[in-house]
N, C-alpha and C. Protein backbone atom coordinates (compact mmCIF):
# COMPACT_ATOMS: atom_id res chain seq x y z
N MET A 1 28.18 94.08 -101.52
CA MET A 1 27.40 94.33 -100.33
C MET A 1 26.01 94.87 -100.65
N PRO A 2 25.83 95.77 -101.64
CA PRO A 2 24.50 96.27 -101.95
C PRO A 2 23.54 95.17 -102.36
N ARG A 3 24.01 94.11 -102.98
CA ARG A 3 23.13 93.00 -103.38
C ARG A 3 22.70 92.17 -102.16
N LEU A 4 23.49 92.18 -101.14
CA LEU A 4 23.19 91.41 -99.95
C LEU A 4 22.05 92.03 -99.15
N LEU A 5 21.94 93.35 -99.16
CA LEU A 5 20.92 94.03 -98.38
C LEU A 5 19.50 93.60 -98.76
N PRO A 6 19.14 93.56 -100.06
CA PRO A 6 17.78 93.10 -100.38
C PRO A 6 17.53 91.66 -99.92
N ALA A 7 18.53 90.81 -100.03
CA ALA A 7 18.36 89.43 -99.60
C ALA A 7 18.15 89.35 -98.10
N VAL A 8 18.89 90.15 -97.35
CA VAL A 8 18.74 90.18 -95.89
C VAL A 8 17.36 90.72 -95.52
N LEU A 9 16.90 91.75 -96.21
CA LEU A 9 15.57 92.31 -95.93
C LEU A 9 14.48 91.30 -96.23
N ILE A 10 14.60 90.58 -97.32
CA ILE A 10 13.61 89.57 -97.68
C ILE A 10 13.62 88.45 -96.64
N LEU A 11 14.81 88.01 -96.25
CA LEU A 11 14.92 86.95 -95.25
C LEU A 11 14.34 87.42 -93.91
N SER A 12 14.62 88.64 -93.52
CA SER A 12 14.08 89.18 -92.26
C SER A 12 12.57 89.26 -92.29
N ALA A 13 12.02 89.70 -93.40
CA ALA A 13 10.56 89.79 -93.53
C ALA A 13 9.93 88.41 -93.48
N THR A 14 10.57 87.44 -94.13
CA THR A 14 10.07 86.08 -94.13
C THR A 14 10.08 85.49 -92.73
N LEU A 15 11.18 85.68 -92.02
CA LEU A 15 11.28 85.16 -90.65
C LEU A 15 10.29 85.85 -89.72
N ALA A 16 10.10 87.15 -89.89
CA ALA A 16 9.14 87.88 -89.05
C ALA A 16 7.72 87.38 -89.29
N ALA A 17 7.40 87.07 -90.55
CA ALA A 17 6.07 86.56 -90.87
C ALA A 17 5.85 85.18 -90.27
N GLN A 18 6.93 84.44 -90.03
CA GLN A 18 6.82 83.09 -89.48
C GLN A 18 6.97 83.06 -87.97
N ALA A 19 7.15 84.21 -87.34
CA ALA A 19 7.30 84.24 -85.88
C ALA A 19 6.04 83.69 -85.23
N PRO A 20 6.23 82.89 -84.19
CA PRO A 20 5.05 82.32 -83.55
C PRO A 20 4.19 83.42 -82.93
N PRO A 21 2.88 83.24 -83.01
CA PRO A 21 1.99 84.24 -82.41
C PRO A 21 2.10 84.20 -80.89
N GLU A 22 1.63 85.25 -80.28
CA GLU A 22 1.63 85.30 -78.82
C GLU A 22 0.80 84.13 -78.29
N SER A 23 1.25 83.54 -77.21
CA SER A 23 0.53 82.42 -76.62
C SER A 23 -0.87 82.84 -76.20
N PRO A 24 -1.86 81.99 -76.48
CA PRO A 24 -3.22 82.31 -76.04
C PRO A 24 -3.30 82.37 -74.52
N GLN A 25 -4.09 83.28 -74.03
CA GLN A 25 -4.28 83.43 -72.59
C GLN A 25 -5.67 82.94 -72.22
N PRO A 26 -5.76 81.84 -71.47
CA PRO A 26 -7.08 81.34 -71.08
C PRO A 26 -7.86 82.37 -70.28
N VAL A 27 -9.14 82.42 -70.51
CA VAL A 27 -10.04 83.32 -69.80
C VAL A 27 -10.81 82.52 -68.74
N ALA A 28 -11.32 81.37 -69.14
CA ALA A 28 -12.11 80.54 -68.24
C ALA A 28 -11.20 79.64 -67.41
N THR A 29 -11.67 79.32 -66.22
CA THR A 29 -10.99 78.31 -65.42
C THR A 29 -11.35 76.94 -66.00
N MET A 30 -10.63 75.92 -65.57
CA MET A 30 -10.94 74.56 -66.02
C MET A 30 -12.36 74.19 -65.60
N LYS A 31 -12.73 74.55 -64.38
CA LYS A 31 -14.08 74.24 -63.89
C LYS A 31 -15.13 74.94 -64.76
N GLN A 32 -14.89 76.19 -65.12
CA GLN A 32 -15.85 76.91 -65.98
C GLN A 32 -15.96 76.24 -67.34
N LEU A 33 -14.85 75.82 -67.90
CA LEU A 33 -14.90 75.11 -69.19
C LEU A 33 -15.74 73.85 -69.08
N MET A 34 -15.52 73.10 -68.03
CA MET A 34 -16.25 71.85 -67.86
C MET A 34 -17.74 72.09 -67.62
N VAL A 35 -18.04 72.98 -66.67
CA VAL A 35 -19.43 73.19 -66.25
C VAL A 35 -20.22 74.01 -67.26
N ASP A 36 -19.61 75.02 -67.83
CA ASP A 36 -20.36 75.95 -68.68
C ASP A 36 -20.24 75.70 -70.18
N VAL A 37 -19.29 74.88 -70.60
CA VAL A 37 -19.10 74.66 -72.03
C VAL A 37 -19.21 73.17 -72.40
N ILE A 38 -18.32 72.37 -71.84
CA ILE A 38 -18.22 70.97 -72.28
C ILE A 38 -19.41 70.14 -71.81
N HIS A 39 -19.75 70.22 -70.53
CA HIS A 39 -20.88 69.42 -70.04
C HIS A 39 -22.20 69.76 -70.75
N PRO A 40 -22.55 71.05 -70.89
CA PRO A 40 -23.81 71.34 -71.61
C PRO A 40 -23.80 70.84 -73.06
N ALA A 41 -22.65 70.90 -73.70
CA ALA A 41 -22.58 70.42 -75.09
C ALA A 41 -22.76 68.91 -75.16
N SER A 42 -22.04 68.18 -74.30
CA SER A 42 -22.18 66.72 -74.35
C SER A 42 -23.56 66.28 -73.88
N ASN A 43 -24.06 66.91 -72.84
CA ASN A 43 -25.38 66.57 -72.32
C ASN A 43 -26.47 66.86 -73.36
N GLY A 44 -26.38 68.03 -74.01
CA GLY A 44 -27.37 68.38 -75.02
C GLY A 44 -27.38 67.41 -76.18
N LEU A 45 -26.19 67.02 -76.62
CA LEU A 45 -26.08 66.09 -77.73
C LEU A 45 -26.64 64.71 -77.34
N LEU A 46 -26.26 64.23 -76.17
CA LEU A 46 -26.74 62.92 -75.72
C LEU A 46 -28.24 62.92 -75.48
N LEU A 47 -28.78 64.01 -74.95
CA LEU A 47 -30.23 64.09 -74.75
C LEU A 47 -30.98 64.03 -76.08
N LEU A 48 -30.47 64.72 -77.08
CA LEU A 48 -31.11 64.65 -78.41
C LEU A 48 -31.15 63.21 -78.90
N VAL A 49 -30.04 62.50 -78.75
CA VAL A 49 -29.95 61.11 -79.21
C VAL A 49 -30.87 60.22 -78.39
N PHE A 50 -30.81 60.33 -77.07
CA PHE A 50 -31.60 59.44 -76.21
C PHE A 50 -33.10 59.69 -76.32
N ARG A 51 -33.47 60.86 -76.80
CA ARG A 51 -34.89 61.16 -77.01
C ARG A 51 -35.36 60.78 -78.41
N GLY A 52 -34.48 60.10 -79.16
CA GLY A 52 -34.86 59.62 -80.49
C GLY A 52 -34.61 60.58 -81.62
N GLY A 53 -33.96 61.68 -81.35
CA GLY A 53 -33.72 62.71 -82.36
C GLY A 53 -32.27 62.73 -82.77
N PRO A 54 -31.89 63.80 -83.33
CA PRO A 54 -32.60 65.03 -83.66
C PRO A 54 -33.62 64.81 -84.78
N ASP A 55 -34.67 65.63 -84.74
CA ASP A 55 -35.73 65.51 -85.74
C ASP A 55 -35.90 66.78 -86.57
N THR A 56 -35.96 67.90 -85.90
CA THR A 56 -36.25 69.17 -86.57
C THR A 56 -34.97 69.87 -86.99
N ASP A 57 -35.11 70.88 -87.84
CA ASP A 57 -33.94 71.67 -88.22
C ASP A 57 -33.30 72.33 -87.00
N LYS A 58 -34.15 72.75 -86.06
CA LYS A 58 -33.64 73.35 -84.82
C LYS A 58 -32.81 72.33 -84.03
N ASP A 59 -33.29 71.09 -83.95
CA ASP A 59 -32.55 70.03 -83.26
C ASP A 59 -31.21 69.75 -83.95
N TRP A 60 -31.23 69.71 -85.27
CA TRP A 60 -29.99 69.44 -86.00
C TRP A 60 -29.00 70.59 -85.81
N ALA A 61 -29.49 71.81 -85.77
CA ALA A 61 -28.60 72.95 -85.52
C ALA A 61 -27.98 72.84 -84.13
N GLU A 62 -28.79 72.43 -83.15
CA GLU A 62 -28.26 72.23 -81.80
C GLU A 62 -27.22 71.11 -81.79
N ALA A 63 -27.49 70.05 -82.52
CA ALA A 63 -26.54 68.94 -82.59
C ALA A 63 -25.23 69.39 -83.21
N ARG A 64 -25.29 70.17 -84.28
CA ARG A 64 -24.07 70.68 -84.91
C ARG A 64 -23.29 71.56 -83.94
N ARG A 65 -23.99 72.50 -83.28
CA ARG A 65 -23.31 73.40 -82.33
C ARG A 65 -22.67 72.61 -81.19
N SER A 66 -23.41 71.68 -80.63
CA SER A 66 -22.87 70.90 -79.51
C SER A 66 -21.68 70.06 -79.95
N ALA A 67 -21.78 69.43 -81.10
CA ALA A 67 -20.68 68.60 -81.60
C ALA A 67 -19.44 69.45 -81.88
N LEU A 68 -19.63 70.59 -82.50
CA LEU A 68 -18.50 71.48 -82.78
C LEU A 68 -17.88 72.00 -81.49
N THR A 69 -18.72 72.28 -80.51
CA THR A 69 -18.23 72.73 -79.20
C THR A 69 -17.35 71.65 -78.57
N LEU A 70 -17.78 70.40 -78.64
CA LEU A 70 -16.97 69.32 -78.09
C LEU A 70 -15.64 69.19 -78.84
N ALA A 71 -15.71 69.23 -80.15
CA ALA A 71 -14.49 69.09 -80.94
C ALA A 71 -13.49 70.18 -80.61
N GLU A 72 -13.93 71.42 -80.56
CA GLU A 72 -13.01 72.52 -80.28
C GLU A 72 -12.62 72.58 -78.81
N SER A 73 -13.45 72.06 -77.93
CA SER A 73 -13.10 72.03 -76.51
C SER A 73 -11.88 71.15 -76.27
N GLY A 74 -11.77 70.08 -77.02
CA GLY A 74 -10.57 69.25 -76.91
C GLY A 74 -9.32 70.06 -77.20
N ASN A 75 -9.40 70.93 -78.20
CA ASN A 75 -8.26 71.79 -78.52
C ASN A 75 -7.99 72.78 -77.40
N LEU A 76 -9.05 73.34 -76.80
CA LEU A 76 -8.87 74.26 -75.68
C LEU A 76 -8.21 73.57 -74.50
N LEU A 77 -8.56 72.33 -74.26
CA LEU A 77 -7.97 71.60 -73.14
C LEU A 77 -6.47 71.40 -73.34
N VAL A 78 -6.06 71.19 -74.57
CA VAL A 78 -4.63 70.99 -74.85
C VAL A 78 -3.83 72.26 -74.57
N LEU A 79 -4.46 73.41 -74.72
CA LEU A 79 -3.76 74.66 -74.42
C LEU A 79 -3.35 74.74 -72.95
N ARG A 80 -4.06 74.02 -72.09
CA ARG A 80 -3.84 74.10 -70.65
C ARG A 80 -2.86 73.08 -70.13
N ASN A 81 -2.63 72.03 -70.88
CA ASN A 81 -1.78 70.95 -70.38
C ASN A 81 -1.30 70.16 -71.59
N ARG A 82 -0.01 69.97 -71.69
CA ARG A 82 0.54 69.28 -72.86
C ARG A 82 1.16 67.94 -72.50
N THR A 83 0.82 67.41 -71.33
CA THR A 83 1.35 66.09 -71.00
C THR A 83 0.71 65.06 -71.93
N PRO A 84 1.45 64.02 -72.27
CA PRO A 84 0.94 63.06 -73.26
C PRO A 84 -0.43 62.46 -72.91
N ALA A 85 -0.65 62.09 -71.66
CA ALA A 85 -1.94 61.50 -71.29
C ALA A 85 -3.07 62.51 -71.46
N TRP A 86 -2.83 63.74 -71.04
CA TRP A 86 -3.85 64.79 -71.15
C TRP A 86 -4.19 65.05 -72.62
N VAL A 87 -3.16 65.15 -73.45
CA VAL A 87 -3.35 65.41 -74.88
C VAL A 87 -4.12 64.25 -75.52
N ALA A 88 -3.79 63.03 -75.13
CA ALA A 88 -4.50 61.86 -75.69
C ALA A 88 -5.98 61.89 -75.30
N ASP A 89 -6.26 62.24 -74.04
CA ASP A 89 -7.65 62.31 -73.60
C ASP A 89 -8.40 63.44 -74.31
N ALA A 90 -7.76 64.58 -74.46
CA ALA A 90 -8.39 65.71 -75.15
C ALA A 90 -8.66 65.36 -76.61
N LYS A 91 -7.75 64.60 -77.21
CA LYS A 91 -7.93 64.20 -78.61
C LYS A 91 -9.16 63.30 -78.77
N LEU A 92 -9.45 62.47 -77.77
CA LEU A 92 -10.67 61.66 -77.82
C LEU A 92 -11.90 62.55 -77.97
N LEU A 93 -11.92 63.66 -77.20
CA LEU A 93 -13.04 64.59 -77.26
C LEU A 93 -13.09 65.29 -78.62
N THR A 94 -11.94 65.72 -79.11
CA THR A 94 -11.89 66.38 -80.42
C THR A 94 -12.36 65.43 -81.53
N ASP A 95 -11.87 64.21 -81.48
CA ASP A 95 -12.21 63.26 -82.54
C ASP A 95 -13.69 62.89 -82.55
N VAL A 96 -14.25 62.61 -81.38
CA VAL A 96 -15.66 62.23 -81.34
C VAL A 96 -16.55 63.45 -81.64
N GLY A 97 -16.12 64.63 -81.21
CA GLY A 97 -16.87 65.84 -81.55
C GLY A 97 -16.90 66.08 -83.06
N ALA A 98 -15.74 65.87 -83.69
CA ALA A 98 -15.67 66.05 -85.14
C ALA A 98 -16.54 65.02 -85.87
N ALA A 99 -16.52 63.78 -85.38
CA ALA A 99 -17.36 62.74 -86.00
C ALA A 99 -18.85 63.05 -85.80
N ALA A 100 -19.20 63.54 -84.62
CA ALA A 100 -20.59 63.91 -84.35
C ALA A 100 -21.01 65.09 -85.22
N TYR A 101 -20.10 66.03 -85.42
CA TYR A 101 -20.42 67.17 -86.28
C TYR A 101 -20.69 66.69 -87.71
N LYS A 102 -19.86 65.78 -88.18
CA LYS A 102 -20.04 65.24 -89.53
C LYS A 102 -21.39 64.54 -89.65
N ALA A 103 -21.77 63.78 -88.63
CA ALA A 103 -23.07 63.09 -88.64
C ALA A 103 -24.21 64.10 -88.60
N ALA A 104 -24.07 65.13 -87.77
CA ALA A 104 -25.12 66.15 -87.67
C ALA A 104 -25.23 66.95 -88.96
N GLU A 105 -24.11 67.24 -89.59
CA GLU A 105 -24.11 67.96 -90.88
C GLU A 105 -24.88 67.16 -91.91
N ALA A 106 -24.70 65.83 -91.89
CA ALA A 106 -25.37 64.95 -92.85
C ALA A 106 -26.79 64.60 -92.41
N LYS A 107 -27.18 65.08 -91.22
CA LYS A 107 -28.49 64.75 -90.63
C LYS A 107 -28.69 63.23 -90.58
N ASP A 108 -27.63 62.56 -90.11
CA ASP A 108 -27.62 61.10 -90.02
C ASP A 108 -27.81 60.71 -88.55
N ALA A 109 -29.06 60.51 -88.15
CA ALA A 109 -29.39 60.20 -86.77
C ALA A 109 -28.77 58.89 -86.31
N LYS A 110 -28.70 57.91 -87.19
CA LYS A 110 -28.10 56.62 -86.81
C LYS A 110 -26.62 56.76 -86.54
N ALA A 111 -25.92 57.50 -87.37
CA ALA A 111 -24.49 57.72 -87.15
C ALA A 111 -24.25 58.50 -85.87
N LEU A 112 -25.09 59.49 -85.61
CA LEU A 112 -24.97 60.28 -84.39
C LEU A 112 -25.23 59.40 -83.17
N ALA A 113 -26.27 58.58 -83.22
CA ALA A 113 -26.58 57.68 -82.11
C ALA A 113 -25.45 56.69 -81.86
N ALA A 114 -24.82 56.24 -82.92
CA ALA A 114 -23.71 55.29 -82.79
C ALA A 114 -22.51 55.89 -82.07
N LEU A 115 -22.44 57.22 -82.00
CA LEU A 115 -21.32 57.90 -81.34
C LEU A 115 -21.57 58.17 -79.87
N SER A 116 -22.77 57.89 -79.38
CA SER A 116 -23.09 58.28 -78.00
C SER A 116 -22.17 57.61 -76.98
N ASP A 117 -21.82 56.35 -77.17
CA ASP A 117 -20.92 55.69 -76.23
C ASP A 117 -19.52 56.31 -76.28
N ARG A 118 -19.07 56.70 -77.47
CA ARG A 118 -17.75 57.34 -77.58
C ARG A 118 -17.75 58.72 -76.93
N ILE A 119 -18.86 59.44 -77.03
CA ILE A 119 -18.95 60.75 -76.36
C ILE A 119 -18.84 60.55 -74.86
N ASP A 120 -19.61 59.62 -74.34
CA ASP A 120 -19.57 59.32 -72.91
C ASP A 120 -18.17 58.85 -72.50
N ALA A 121 -17.57 57.99 -73.28
CA ALA A 121 -16.24 57.46 -72.96
C ALA A 121 -15.17 58.55 -72.96
N ALA A 122 -15.26 59.48 -73.88
CA ALA A 122 -14.26 60.56 -73.93
C ALA A 122 -14.25 61.33 -72.62
N CYS A 123 -15.42 61.58 -72.08
CA CYS A 123 -15.52 62.29 -70.80
C CYS A 123 -15.06 61.41 -69.65
N THR A 124 -15.57 60.19 -69.62
CA THR A 124 -15.31 59.28 -68.51
C THR A 124 -13.83 58.93 -68.39
N ILE A 125 -13.19 58.64 -69.49
CA ILE A 125 -11.77 58.27 -69.47
C ILE A 125 -10.94 59.40 -68.88
N CYS A 126 -11.18 60.60 -69.33
CA CYS A 126 -10.42 61.74 -68.84
C CYS A 126 -10.72 61.99 -67.36
N HIS A 127 -11.99 61.93 -66.99
CA HIS A 127 -12.35 62.19 -65.60
C HIS A 127 -11.74 61.16 -64.66
N ARG A 128 -11.74 59.93 -65.05
CA ARG A 128 -11.14 58.90 -64.21
C ARG A 128 -9.67 59.20 -63.95
N ARG A 129 -8.99 59.63 -64.99
CA ARG A 129 -7.55 59.86 -64.89
C ARG A 129 -7.24 61.13 -64.11
N THR A 130 -8.05 62.16 -64.28
CA THR A 130 -7.66 63.47 -63.74
C THR A 130 -8.53 64.03 -62.65
N ARG A 131 -9.68 63.48 -62.41
CA ARG A 131 -10.60 64.09 -61.44
C ARG A 131 -9.94 64.25 -60.08
N THR A 132 -9.20 63.27 -59.63
CA THR A 132 -8.57 63.40 -58.31
C THR A 132 -7.54 64.51 -58.30
N ILE A 133 -6.92 64.76 -59.42
CA ILE A 133 -5.93 65.83 -59.50
C ILE A 133 -6.61 67.18 -59.35
N PHE A 134 -7.77 67.34 -60.00
CA PHE A 134 -8.44 68.63 -60.04
C PHE A 134 -9.53 68.79 -58.98
N ARG A 135 -9.78 67.78 -58.19
CA ARG A 135 -10.84 67.88 -57.17
C ARG A 135 -10.56 69.06 -56.24
N GLY A 136 -11.51 69.97 -56.23
CA GLY A 136 -11.39 71.13 -55.34
C GLY A 136 -10.47 72.21 -55.85
N ILE A 137 -9.90 72.03 -57.03
CA ILE A 137 -9.00 73.05 -57.56
C ILE A 137 -9.71 73.83 -58.64
N ASP A 138 -9.69 75.11 -58.56
CA ASP A 138 -10.26 75.98 -59.59
C ASP A 138 -9.09 76.43 -60.46
N SER A 139 -8.58 75.51 -61.26
CA SER A 139 -7.32 75.70 -61.97
C SER A 139 -7.51 76.39 -63.30
N ARG A 140 -6.60 77.25 -63.64
CA ARG A 140 -6.55 77.86 -64.97
C ARG A 140 -5.68 76.99 -65.79
């Protein structure tokens, strides 16, 4: 029995270390995420591209921030809804945001410009599917 105690303690410590963390608690409403985070990031990125940029280091920094914001916003959206269609739509945003970040990191204006339709599509596809569900709802 004395040999079993250290094994039990090690197993208990291992299991405790693997316990899932507390579930994240959203702070922003869905509307706040869309209006204050996702839309400004996508709009800022698309404006840089449509104006022929980014050109300056400041523009590239903005492109990186906006792209990273889009990529991580997809992850935030999944925290709110885990239905397969919602997760698939959020993944579109994460994937195109990550690709845009990679292009901005490399300061590759052509690659960034080539992603503009995918950025627009990620938003449009999700909005078409869910806008009627969330119309007028300030949902968390």
